[in-house]
């Protein structure tokens, strides 16, 4: 049998939901004729389901209905952990948070539900300090409803992978936490400077 290493933790459902809410951009994987179709979309968690919207011209749209099987991945923070940050002797490692979900997907054909869902998703993504409100009478919203499909995923399998140096003593675990925060803040700026300058 294959057991996870000691420093790897399968998370409880509440932690998984926090990852989904904090990092809502998901990788959605469907399979057609033994070939994967992959799309990246924000999904909103509501009472055991994930709600999303997709462009009608995306080839994956046709698979997001009829109770089809689907796999969804969410990505939390990640980084290399150097032994230099620990107070005890350790080996190099890599810490990360990942969520793997499986479920069945259904298309929601109601235009009013789609419209309200787009408004609700905008409110969620704008929080906690909203600077924009998608109004129900927005003409661009109405004009685009025919080009968007709404779907919901009934989650059937939950798996959270939290590798955060849990096998280390408390001070080393705290150092790994701070390193995860530091590296993620610094690496975003460095990366964007390289690709956008």
N, C-alpha and C. Protein backbone atom coordinates (compact mmCIF):
# COMPACT_ATOMS: atom_id res chain seq x y z
N UNK A 1 0.83 -1.19 0.00
CA UNK A 1 0.00 0.00 0.00
C UNK A 1 0.87 1.25 0.00
N UNK A 2 0.32 2.30 -0.55
CA UNK A 2 1.05 3.55 -0.64
C UNK A 2 0.50 4.53 0.39
N UNK A 3 1.28 4.84 1.39
CA UNK A 3 0.85 5.76 2.44
C UNK A 3 1.47 7.13 2.23
N UNK A 4 0.72 8.21 2.58
CA UNK A 4 1.33 9.54 2.45
C UNK A 4 2.44 9.71 3.48
N UNK A 5 3.46 10.50 3.15
CA UNK A 5 4.53 10.74 4.12
C UNK A 5 3.99 11.45 5.36
N UNK A 6 4.73 11.35 6.46
CA UNK A 6 4.28 11.92 7.73
C UNK A 6 4.03 13.42 7.67
N UNK A 7 4.79 14.11 6.86
CA UNK A 7 4.69 15.57 6.81
C UNK A 7 3.56 16.03 5.90
N UNK A 8 2.77 15.11 5.39
CA UNK A 8 1.68 15.43 4.47
C UNK A 8 0.37 15.21 5.20
N UNK A 9 -0.56 16.13 5.09
CA UNK A 9 -1.80 16.02 5.84
C UNK A 9 -3.00 16.09 4.91
N UNK A 10 -3.87 15.07 4.97
CA UNK A 10 -5.15 15.16 4.28
C UNK A 10 -6.04 16.04 5.14
N UNK A 11 -6.51 17.13 4.57
CA UNK A 11 -7.21 18.13 5.35
C UNK A 11 -8.68 17.81 5.51
N UNK A 12 -9.29 18.41 6.54
CA UNK A 12 -10.73 18.24 6.72
C UNK A 12 -11.49 19.16 5.77
N UNK A 13 -12.77 18.94 5.66
CA UNK A 13 -13.59 19.65 4.68
C UNK A 13 -13.60 21.16 4.90
N UNK A 14 -13.58 21.61 6.16
CA UNK A 14 -13.59 23.06 6.41
C UNK A 14 -12.35 23.74 5.86
N UNK A 15 -11.19 23.08 5.99
CA UNK A 15 -9.96 23.65 5.43
C UNK A 15 -10.02 23.67 3.91
N UNK A 16 -10.59 22.63 3.32
CA UNK A 16 -10.73 22.56 1.87
C UNK A 16 -11.62 23.72 1.38
N UNK A 17 -12.72 23.94 2.06
CA UNK A 17 -13.63 25.02 1.68
C UNK A 17 -12.92 26.37 1.77
N UNK A 18 -12.08 26.56 2.78
CA UNK A 18 -11.32 27.81 2.91
C UNK A 18 -10.38 28.01 1.73
N UNK A 19 -9.75 26.93 1.25
CA UNK A 19 -8.89 27.05 0.07
C UNK A 19 -9.72 27.49 -1.13
N UNK A 20 -10.89 26.86 -1.33
CA UNK A 20 -11.76 27.19 -2.46
C UNK A 20 -12.17 28.66 -2.41
N UNK A 21 -12.52 29.13 -1.22
CA UNK A 21 -12.98 30.52 -1.09
C UNK A 21 -11.84 31.53 -1.26
N UNK A 22 -10.66 31.16 -0.83
CA UNK A 22 -9.52 32.07 -0.89
C UNK A 22 -8.84 32.07 -2.25
N UNK A 23 -8.84 30.91 -2.91
CA UNK A 23 -8.20 30.75 -4.22
C UNK A 23 -9.23 30.17 -5.20
N UNK A 24 -10.23 30.96 -5.62
CA UNK A 24 -11.35 30.40 -6.38
C UNK A 24 -11.07 30.03 -7.83
N UNK A 25 -9.91 30.43 -8.37
CA UNK A 25 -9.61 30.06 -9.75
C UNK A 25 -9.27 28.57 -9.81
N UNK A 26 -10.12 27.81 -10.47
CA UNK A 26 -9.99 26.36 -10.51
C UNK A 26 -9.51 25.88 -11.86
N UNK A 27 -8.90 24.71 -11.85
CA UNK A 27 -8.61 23.97 -13.08
C UNK A 27 -9.69 22.91 -13.20
N UNK A 28 -10.47 22.98 -14.29
CA UNK A 28 -11.60 22.08 -14.49
C UNK A 28 -11.22 21.09 -15.58
N UNK A 29 -11.31 19.80 -15.28
CA UNK A 29 -10.87 18.76 -16.20
C UNK A 29 -12.03 17.83 -16.54
N UNK A 30 -12.33 17.74 -17.82
CA UNK A 30 -13.30 16.78 -18.34
C UNK A 30 -12.57 15.87 -19.32
N UNK A 31 -13.15 14.71 -19.61
CA UNK A 31 -12.54 13.78 -20.55
C UNK A 31 -13.55 13.44 -21.64
N UNK A 32 -13.09 13.57 -22.89
CA UNK A 32 -13.91 13.19 -24.04
C UNK A 32 -13.04 12.38 -24.99
N UNK A 33 -13.51 11.19 -25.35
CA UNK A 33 -12.75 10.30 -26.24
C UNK A 33 -11.33 10.08 -25.72
N UNK A 34 -11.22 9.86 -24.42
CA UNK A 34 -9.94 9.60 -23.75
C UNK A 34 -8.96 10.77 -23.81
N UNK A 35 -9.45 11.96 -24.12
CA UNK A 35 -8.59 13.14 -24.13
C UNK A 35 -9.12 14.16 -23.12
N UNK A 36 -8.21 14.72 -22.32
CA UNK A 36 -8.67 15.71 -21.33
C UNK A 36 -8.94 17.06 -21.97
N UNK A 37 -10.00 17.71 -21.52
CA UNK A 37 -10.26 19.11 -21.84
C UNK A 37 -10.10 19.88 -20.54
N UNK A 38 -9.34 20.95 -20.59
CA UNK A 38 -8.98 21.68 -19.37
C UNK A 38 -9.29 23.16 -19.54
N UNK A 39 -9.99 23.71 -18.55
CA UNK A 39 -10.31 25.14 -18.54
C UNK A 39 -10.03 25.68 -17.15
N UNK A 40 -9.65 26.95 -17.09
CA UNK A 40 -9.39 27.63 -15.82
C UNK A 40 -10.48 28.67 -15.61
N UNK A 41 -11.28 28.49 -14.55
CA UNK A 41 -12.40 29.38 -14.27
C UNK A 41 -12.54 29.59 -12.77
N UNK A 42 -13.00 30.77 -12.35
CA UNK A 42 -13.33 30.92 -10.92
C UNK A 42 -14.63 30.16 -10.63
N UNK A 43 -14.65 29.49 -9.50
CA UNK A 43 -15.85 28.78 -9.05
C UNK A 43 -16.21 29.26 -7.66
N UNK A 44 -17.49 29.33 -7.40
CA UNK A 44 -17.99 29.77 -6.10
C UNK A 44 -18.59 28.55 -5.39
N UNK A 45 -18.23 28.41 -4.12
CA UNK A 45 -18.75 27.30 -3.31
C UNK A 45 -20.06 27.72 -2.66
N UNK A 46 -21.10 26.89 -2.85
CA UNK A 46 -22.40 27.14 -2.20
C UNK A 46 -23.01 25.80 -1.78
N UNK A 47 -23.04 25.56 -0.47
CA UNK A 47 -23.76 24.41 0.11
C UNK A 47 -23.43 23.08 -0.58
N UNK A 48 -22.15 22.76 -0.63
CA UNK A 48 -21.73 21.47 -1.17
C UNK A 48 -21.63 21.42 -2.67
N UNK A 49 -21.85 22.55 -3.33
CA UNK A 49 -21.77 22.60 -4.79
C UNK A 49 -20.82 23.72 -5.21
N UNK A 50 -20.30 23.58 -6.42
CA UNK A 50 -19.49 24.63 -7.03
C UNK A 50 -20.28 25.20 -8.20
N UNK A 51 -20.33 26.52 -8.28
CA UNK A 51 -21.07 27.20 -9.33
C UNK A 51 -20.08 27.93 -10.22
N UNK A 52 -20.27 27.78 -11.55
CA UNK A 52 -19.38 28.46 -12.48
C UNK A 52 -20.08 28.89 -13.74
N UNK A 53 -19.35 29.63 -14.57
CA UNK A 53 -19.86 30.14 -15.84
C UNK A 53 -18.79 29.94 -16.90
N UNK A 54 -19.21 29.60 -18.11
CA UNK A 54 -18.25 29.32 -19.17
C UNK A 54 -18.77 29.90 -20.49
N UNK A 55 -17.85 30.35 -21.31
CA UNK A 55 -18.16 30.87 -22.65
C UNK A 55 -18.72 29.74 -23.52
N UNK A 56 -19.78 30.03 -24.27
CA UNK A 56 -20.41 28.98 -25.07
C UNK A 56 -19.48 28.43 -26.15
N UNK A 57 -18.44 29.18 -26.53
CA UNK A 57 -17.53 28.74 -27.58
C UNK A 57 -16.37 27.90 -27.05
N UNK A 58 -16.28 27.77 -25.75
CA UNK A 58 -15.25 26.90 -25.17
C UNK A 58 -15.63 25.45 -25.46
N UNK A 59 -14.73 24.64 -26.03
CA UNK A 59 -15.09 23.26 -26.37
C UNK A 59 -15.50 22.41 -25.17
N UNK A 60 -15.11 22.81 -23.99
CA UNK A 60 -15.47 22.05 -22.79
C UNK A 60 -16.92 22.28 -22.38
N UNK A 61 -17.54 23.34 -22.88
CA UNK A 61 -18.91 23.68 -22.50
C UNK A 61 -19.86 22.51 -22.72
N UNK A 62 -19.69 21.79 -23.82
CA UNK A 62 -20.58 20.67 -24.14
C UNK A 62 -20.48 19.52 -23.13
N UNK A 63 -19.41 19.48 -22.35
CA UNK A 63 -19.25 18.42 -21.36
C UNK A 63 -19.73 18.83 -19.98
N UNK A 64 -20.08 20.10 -19.81
CA UNK A 64 -20.48 20.60 -18.49
C UNK A 64 -22.00 20.52 -18.34
N UNK A 65 -22.51 19.30 -18.48
CA UNK A 65 -23.95 19.05 -18.36
C UNK A 65 -24.18 17.54 -18.26
N UNK A 66 -25.45 17.16 -18.16
CA UNK A 66 -25.85 15.74 -18.20
C UNK A 66 -25.24 14.88 -17.11
N UNK A 67 -24.92 15.50 -15.96
CA UNK A 67 -24.38 14.75 -14.83
C UNK A 67 -23.03 14.10 -15.15
N UNK A 68 -22.29 14.71 -16.10
CA UNK A 68 -20.98 14.17 -16.48
C UNK A 68 -20.01 14.24 -15.32
N UNK A 69 -19.05 13.30 -15.31
CA UNK A 69 -17.98 13.31 -14.32
C UNK A 69 -17.03 14.46 -14.59
N UNK A 70 -16.50 15.01 -13.53
CA UNK A 70 -15.57 16.14 -13.67
C UNK A 70 -14.58 16.10 -12.52
N UNK A 71 -13.38 16.59 -12.78
CA UNK A 71 -12.35 16.75 -11.76
C UNK A 71 -12.01 18.23 -11.68
N UNK A 72 -11.85 18.73 -10.45
CA UNK A 72 -11.57 20.15 -10.23
C UNK A 72 -10.39 20.26 -9.27
N UNK A 73 -9.43 21.12 -9.64
CA UNK A 73 -8.26 21.36 -8.81
C UNK A 73 -8.21 22.82 -8.39
N UNK A 74 -7.88 23.05 -7.13
CA UNK A 74 -7.63 24.39 -6.61
C UNK A 74 -6.21 24.43 -6.07
N UNK A 75 -5.55 25.58 -6.23
CA UNK A 75 -4.15 25.71 -5.85
C UNK A 75 -3.99 26.79 -4.80
N UNK A 76 -3.49 26.38 -3.64
CA UNK A 76 -3.13 27.35 -2.61
C UNK A 76 -1.67 27.74 -2.77
N UNK A 77 -1.09 28.38 -1.77
CA UNK A 77 0.30 28.80 -1.88
C UNK A 77 1.26 27.60 -1.91
N UNK A 78 2.46 27.87 -2.45
CA UNK A 78 3.48 26.84 -2.56
C UNK A 78 4.85 27.49 -2.49
N UNK A 79 5.86 26.75 -2.07
CA UNK A 79 7.23 27.25 -2.18
C UNK A 79 8.23 26.19 -1.74
N UNK A 80 9.44 26.35 -2.24
CA UNK A 80 10.60 25.57 -1.79
C UNK A 80 10.96 26.01 -0.38
N UNK A 81 11.27 25.05 0.48
CA UNK A 81 11.69 25.35 1.85
C UNK A 81 13.15 24.92 2.02
N UNK A 82 14.00 25.90 2.19
CA UNK A 82 15.43 25.63 2.40
C UNK A 82 15.67 25.17 3.84
N UNK A 83 16.56 24.20 4.04
CA UNK A 83 16.91 23.80 5.41
C UNK A 83 17.49 24.96 6.23
N UNK A 84 17.96 26.01 5.57
CA UNK A 84 18.57 27.14 6.27
C UNK A 84 17.59 27.88 7.17
N UNK A 85 16.29 27.72 6.95
CA UNK A 85 15.32 28.47 7.78
C UNK A 85 15.02 27.76 9.10
N UNK A 86 15.39 26.48 9.20
CA UNK A 86 15.07 25.70 10.40
C UNK A 86 16.14 25.86 11.48
N UNK A 87 15.72 25.67 12.71
CA UNK A 87 16.67 25.69 13.83
C UNK A 87 17.28 24.31 14.05
N UNK A 88 16.73 23.29 13.39
CA UNK A 88 17.24 21.93 13.51
C UNK A 88 17.72 21.47 12.12
N UNK A 89 18.49 20.40 12.10
CA UNK A 89 19.01 19.87 10.84
C UNK A 89 17.90 19.19 10.06
N UNK A 90 17.69 19.64 8.83
CA UNK A 90 16.63 19.09 7.97
C UNK A 90 17.15 18.96 6.54
N UNK A 91 16.34 18.35 5.70
CA UNK A 91 16.63 18.27 4.27
C UNK A 91 15.75 19.28 3.53
N UNK A 92 16.13 19.66 2.32
CA UNK A 92 15.26 20.54 1.53
C UNK A 92 13.90 19.88 1.28
N UNK A 93 12.88 20.72 1.16
CA UNK A 93 11.54 20.19 0.89
C UNK A 93 10.74 21.23 0.10
N UNK A 94 9.55 20.87 -0.24
CA UNK A 94 8.65 21.77 -0.97
C UNK A 94 7.30 21.73 -0.29
N UNK A 95 6.80 22.88 0.16
CA UNK A 95 5.51 22.94 0.83
C UNK A 95 4.44 23.45 -0.13
N UNK A 96 3.23 22.97 0.05
CA UNK A 96 2.15 23.37 -0.86
C UNK A 96 0.79 23.05 -0.25
N UNK A 97 -0.22 23.69 -0.82
CA UNK A 97 -1.62 23.37 -0.51
C UNK A 97 -2.33 23.14 -1.84
N UNK A 98 -2.98 21.99 -1.96
CA UNK A 98 -3.73 21.64 -3.16
C UNK A 98 -5.05 21.00 -2.75
N UNK A 99 -6.07 21.20 -3.57
CA UNK A 99 -7.37 20.57 -3.36
C UNK A 99 -7.76 19.86 -4.64
N UNK A 100 -8.15 18.59 -4.51
CA UNK A 100 -8.62 17.77 -5.64
C UNK A 100 -10.06 17.39 -5.34
N UNK A 101 -10.96 17.75 -6.23
CA UNK A 101 -12.37 17.40 -6.06
C UNK A 101 -12.86 16.63 -7.28
N UNK A 102 -13.79 15.74 -7.05
CA UNK A 102 -14.49 15.06 -8.14
C UNK A 102 -15.97 15.28 -7.95
N UNK A 103 -16.71 15.28 -9.06
CA UNK A 103 -18.14 15.49 -8.94
C UNK A 103 -18.85 15.25 -10.24
N UNK A 104 -20.12 15.59 -10.23
CA UNK A 104 -20.98 15.49 -11.41
C UNK A 104 -21.48 16.87 -11.74
N UNK A 105 -21.47 17.20 -13.02
CA UNK A 105 -21.78 18.57 -13.45
C UNK A 105 -23.11 18.61 -14.19
N UNK A 106 -23.86 19.66 -13.90
CA UNK A 106 -25.18 19.88 -14.50
C UNK A 106 -25.24 21.29 -15.07
N UNK A 107 -25.80 21.44 -16.26
CA UNK A 107 -26.01 22.76 -16.84
C UNK A 107 -27.25 23.38 -16.23
N UNK A 108 -27.19 24.67 -15.94
CA UNK A 108 -28.34 25.43 -15.45
C UNK A 108 -28.78 26.34 -16.60
N UNK A 109 -29.94 26.07 -17.16
CA UNK A 109 -30.38 26.76 -18.38
C UNK A 109 -31.19 28.04 -18.12
N UNK A 110 -31.55 28.31 -16.89
CA UNK A 110 -32.38 29.46 -16.54
C UNK A 110 -31.59 30.77 -16.66
N UNK A 111 -32.00 31.65 -17.56
CA UNK A 111 -31.28 32.92 -17.79
C UNK A 111 -31.32 33.83 -16.56
N UNK A 112 -32.45 33.83 -15.84
CA UNK A 112 -32.53 34.66 -14.63
C UNK A 112 -31.56 34.16 -13.57
N UNK A 113 -31.45 32.82 -13.44
CA UNK A 113 -30.50 32.25 -12.49
C UNK A 113 -29.07 32.57 -12.90
N UNK A 114 -28.79 32.51 -14.20
CA UNK A 114 -27.47 32.86 -14.71
C UNK A 114 -27.13 34.31 -14.36
N UNK A 115 -28.05 35.20 -14.63
CA UNK A 115 -27.82 36.62 -14.36
C UNK A 115 -27.54 36.86 -12.88
N UNK A 116 -28.38 36.28 -12.01
CA UNK A 116 -28.18 36.46 -10.58
C UNK A 116 -26.86 35.83 -10.13
N UNK A 117 -26.50 34.71 -10.72
CA UNK A 117 -25.26 34.04 -10.36
C UNK A 117 -24.04 34.88 -10.74
N UNK A 118 -24.08 35.53 -11.89
CA UNK A 118 -22.98 36.42 -12.30
C UNK A 118 -22.86 37.60 -11.34
N UNK A 119 -24.00 38.13 -10.90
CA UNK A 119 -23.99 39.22 -9.93
C UNK A 119 -23.41 38.75 -8.59
N UNK A 120 -23.86 37.57 -8.16
CA UNK A 120 -23.38 37.00 -6.89
C UNK A 120 -21.88 36.72 -6.94
N UNK A 121 -21.40 36.17 -8.08
CA UNK A 121 -19.98 35.88 -8.19
C UNK A 121 -19.17 37.17 -8.15
N UNK A 122 -19.65 38.21 -8.81
CA UNK A 122 -18.95 39.49 -8.79
C UNK A 122 -18.88 40.04 -7.36
N UNK A 123 -19.99 39.94 -6.63
CA UNK A 123 -19.99 40.39 -5.22
C UNK A 123 -18.95 39.62 -4.41
N UNK A 124 -18.91 38.30 -4.63
CA UNK A 124 -17.95 37.47 -3.88
C UNK A 124 -16.51 37.86 -4.23
N UNK A 125 -16.23 38.00 -5.51
CA UNK A 125 -14.86 38.30 -5.94
C UNK A 125 -14.44 39.72 -5.57
N UNK A 126 -15.39 40.62 -5.42
CA UNK A 126 -15.09 42.00 -5.03
C UNK A 126 -14.88 42.14 -3.52
N UNK A 127 -15.36 41.19 -2.74
CA UNK A 127 -15.28 41.33 -1.29
C UNK A 127 -13.83 41.12 -0.83
N UNK A 128 -13.45 41.66 0.32
CA UNK A 128 -14.28 42.27 1.35
C UNK A 128 -14.48 43.78 1.17
N UNK A 129 -13.77 44.40 0.23
CA UNK A 129 -13.90 45.84 0.03
C UNK A 129 -14.32 46.13 -1.41
N UNK A 130 -15.60 45.98 -1.71
CA UNK A 130 -16.04 46.11 -3.10
C UNK A 130 -15.83 47.52 -3.67
N UNK A 131 -15.31 47.53 -4.89
CA UNK A 131 -15.12 48.80 -5.60
C UNK A 131 -16.03 48.85 -6.83
N UNK A 132 -16.70 47.74 -7.11
CA UNK A 132 -17.56 47.65 -8.28
C UNK A 132 -18.77 46.78 -7.95
N UNK A 133 -19.93 47.18 -8.44
CA UNK A 133 -21.15 46.39 -8.30
C UNK A 133 -21.71 46.12 -9.68
N UNK A 134 -21.95 44.85 -9.98
CA UNK A 134 -22.58 44.49 -11.25
C UNK A 134 -24.09 44.64 -11.07
N UNK A 135 -24.64 45.64 -11.68
CA UNK A 135 -26.06 45.96 -11.51
C UNK A 135 -26.92 45.08 -12.43
N UNK A 136 -28.11 44.68 -11.96
CA UNK A 136 -28.99 43.82 -12.77
C UNK A 136 -29.43 44.46 -14.08
N UNK A 137 -29.46 45.81 -14.13
CA UNK A 137 -29.91 46.48 -15.35
C UNK A 137 -28.74 46.89 -16.25
N UNK A 138 -27.56 46.35 -16.01
CA UNK A 138 -26.39 46.65 -16.83
C UNK A 138 -26.63 46.11 -18.24
N UNK A 139 -26.64 46.97 -19.26
CA UNK A 139 -26.94 46.51 -20.63
C UNK A 139 -25.90 45.54 -21.18
N UNK A 140 -24.65 45.68 -20.78
CA UNK A 140 -23.62 44.74 -21.24
C UNK A 140 -23.85 43.35 -20.66
N UNK A 141 -24.33 43.31 -19.42
CA UNK A 141 -24.66 42.02 -18.81
C UNK A 141 -25.74 41.33 -19.62
N UNK A 142 -26.84 42.03 -19.88
CA UNK A 142 -27.95 41.44 -20.64
C UNK A 142 -27.50 41.01 -22.04
N UNK A 143 -26.66 41.81 -22.67
CA UNK A 143 -26.21 41.50 -24.03
C UNK A 143 -25.34 40.25 -24.10
N UNK A 144 -24.70 39.91 -22.99
CA UNK A 144 -23.76 38.78 -23.00
C UNK A 144 -24.35 37.49 -22.44
N UNK A 145 -25.55 37.51 -21.90
CA UNK A 145 -26.13 36.31 -21.29
C UNK A 145 -26.24 35.16 -22.27
N UNK A 146 -26.47 35.45 -23.54
CA UNK A 146 -26.61 34.38 -24.53
C UNK A 146 -25.29 33.70 -24.86
N UNK A 147 -24.18 34.28 -24.43
CA UNK A 147 -22.86 33.74 -24.74
C UNK A 147 -22.22 33.04 -23.54
N UNK A 148 -22.98 32.91 -22.47
CA UNK A 148 -22.45 32.32 -21.23
C UNK A 148 -23.36 31.19 -20.79
N UNK A 149 -22.75 30.10 -20.37
CA UNK A 149 -23.50 28.98 -19.79
C UNK A 149 -23.15 28.87 -18.32
N UNK A 150 -24.16 28.62 -17.51
CA UNK A 150 -23.97 28.39 -16.07
C UNK A 150 -23.99 26.89 -15.81
N UNK A 151 -23.17 26.46 -14.87
CA UNK A 151 -23.17 25.04 -14.49
C UNK A 151 -22.94 24.93 -12.99
N UNK A 152 -23.35 23.79 -12.45
CA UNK A 152 -23.05 23.51 -11.04
C UNK A 152 -22.50 22.11 -10.92
N UNK A 153 -21.57 21.97 -10.00
CA UNK A 153 -20.89 20.70 -9.76
C UNK A 153 -21.29 20.20 -8.38
N UNK A 154 -21.88 19.02 -8.36
CA UNK A 154 -22.19 18.35 -7.10
C UNK A 154 -20.95 17.56 -6.69
N UNK A 155 -20.30 17.97 -5.61
CA UNK A 155 -19.02 17.36 -5.21
C UNK A 155 -19.27 15.98 -4.61
N UNK A 156 -18.60 14.97 -5.16
CA UNK A 156 -18.75 13.59 -4.69
C UNK A 156 -17.50 13.09 -3.96
N UNK A 157 -16.37 13.74 -4.19
CA UNK A 157 -15.12 13.30 -3.55
C UNK A 157 -14.28 14.53 -3.21
N UNK A 158 -13.84 14.60 -1.95
CA UNK A 158 -13.06 15.74 -1.45
C UNK A 158 -11.67 15.24 -1.06
N UNK A 159 -10.64 15.98 -1.46
CA UNK A 159 -9.29 15.63 -1.04
C UNK A 159 -8.45 16.90 -0.93
N UNK A 160 -7.93 17.15 0.25
CA UNK A 160 -7.07 18.30 0.47
C UNK A 160 -5.67 17.84 0.81
N UNK A 161 -4.69 18.39 0.12
CA UNK A 161 -3.29 18.04 0.36
C UNK A 161 -2.59 19.26 0.95
N UNK A 162 -2.28 19.17 2.23
CA UNK A 162 -1.63 20.27 2.93
C UNK A 162 -0.26 19.80 3.40
N UNK A 163 0.77 20.15 2.68
CA UNK A 163 2.15 19.79 3.07
C UNK A 163 2.82 21.05 3.57
N UNK A 164 2.87 21.19 4.89
CA UNK A 164 3.30 22.44 5.51
C UNK A 164 4.30 22.21 6.65
N UNK A 165 5.19 21.25 6.45
CA UNK A 165 6.22 20.93 7.46
C UNK A 165 5.61 20.52 8.79
N UNK A 166 4.47 19.79 8.73
CA UNK A 166 3.79 19.38 9.96
C UNK A 166 4.60 18.40 10.81
N UNK A 167 5.61 17.76 10.22
CA UNK A 167 6.39 16.79 10.97
C UNK A 167 7.55 17.44 11.74
N UNK A 168 7.66 18.76 11.64
CA UNK A 168 8.75 19.46 12.31
C UNK A 168 8.29 19.97 13.69
N UNK A 169 9.27 20.35 14.53
CA UNK A 169 8.90 20.93 15.82
C UNK A 169 8.24 22.29 15.58
N UNK A 170 7.54 22.79 16.59
CA UNK A 170 6.69 23.99 16.41
C UNK A 170 7.46 25.19 15.87
N UNK A 171 8.65 25.43 16.36
CA UNK A 171 9.40 26.61 15.90
C UNK A 171 9.78 26.47 14.42
N UNK A 172 10.14 25.25 14.00
CA UNK A 172 10.48 25.03 12.60
C UNK A 172 9.24 25.10 11.71
N UNK A 173 8.12 24.62 12.21
CA UNK A 173 6.87 24.72 11.46
C UNK A 173 6.48 26.19 11.29
N UNK A 174 6.67 26.99 12.33
CA UNK A 174 6.38 28.41 12.25
C UNK A 174 7.32 29.10 11.26
N UNK A 175 8.59 28.69 11.24
CA UNK A 175 9.55 29.27 10.29
C UNK A 175 9.16 28.92 8.85
N UNK A 176 8.68 27.70 8.63
CA UNK A 176 8.23 27.29 7.29
C UNK A 176 7.00 28.10 6.88
N UNK A 177 6.13 28.39 7.81
CA UNK A 177 4.94 29.20 7.52
C UNK A 177 5.35 30.60 7.08
N UNK A 178 6.27 31.21 7.82
CA UNK A 178 6.73 32.56 7.47
C UNK A 178 7.45 32.56 6.12
N UNK A 179 8.19 31.51 5.85
CA UNK A 179 8.88 31.41 4.56
C UNK A 179 7.88 31.30 3.41
N UNK A 180 6.81 30.54 3.63
CA UNK A 180 5.76 30.41 2.61
C UNK A 180 5.15 31.77 2.30
N UNK A 181 4.88 32.56 3.33
CA UNK A 181 4.32 33.90 3.14
C UNK A 181 5.33 34.80 2.42
N UNK A 182 6.57 34.81 2.91
CA UNK A 182 7.59 35.69 2.34
C UNK A 182 7.86 35.37 0.87
N UNK A 183 8.07 34.10 0.57
CA UNK A 183 8.42 33.70 -0.80
C UNK A 183 7.27 34.00 -1.76
N UNK A 184 6.05 33.76 -1.34
CA UNK A 184 4.92 34.00 -2.24
C UNK A 184 4.77 35.48 -2.54
N UNK A 185 4.92 36.34 -1.55
CA UNK A 185 4.82 37.78 -1.79
C UNK A 185 5.96 38.26 -2.70
N UNK A 186 7.16 37.79 -2.44
CA UNK A 186 8.33 38.23 -3.20
C UNK A 186 8.31 37.65 -4.62
N UNK A 187 7.95 36.40 -4.76
CA UNK A 187 8.03 35.75 -6.07
C UNK A 187 7.00 36.30 -7.04
N UNK A 188 5.84 36.72 -6.56
CA UNK A 188 4.83 37.32 -7.45
C UNK A 188 5.40 38.58 -8.09
N UNK A 189 5.99 39.45 -7.29
CA UNK A 189 6.55 40.70 -7.82
C UNK A 189 7.69 40.41 -8.82
N UNK A 190 8.59 39.49 -8.46
CA UNK A 190 9.72 39.17 -9.34
C UNK A 190 9.24 38.57 -10.66
N UNK A 191 8.26 37.69 -10.58
CA UNK A 191 7.73 37.06 -11.77
C UNK A 191 7.06 38.09 -12.69
N UNK A 192 6.21 38.93 -12.12
CA UNK A 192 5.53 39.93 -12.92
C UNK A 192 6.50 40.94 -13.54
N UNK A 193 7.57 41.27 -12.80
CA UNK A 193 8.58 42.16 -13.35
C UNK A 193 9.23 41.54 -14.60
N UNK A 194 9.39 40.22 -14.59
CA UNK A 194 10.03 39.54 -15.72
C UNK A 194 9.09 39.44 -16.93
N UNK A 195 7.84 39.11 -16.68
CA UNK A 195 6.95 38.83 -17.82
C UNK A 195 6.18 40.05 -18.32
N UNK A 196 6.08 41.10 -17.51
CA UNK A 196 5.31 42.26 -17.93
C UNK A 196 6.15 43.49 -18.22
N UNK A 197 7.44 43.42 -18.02
CA UNK A 197 8.31 44.58 -18.26
C UNK A 197 8.97 44.48 -19.63
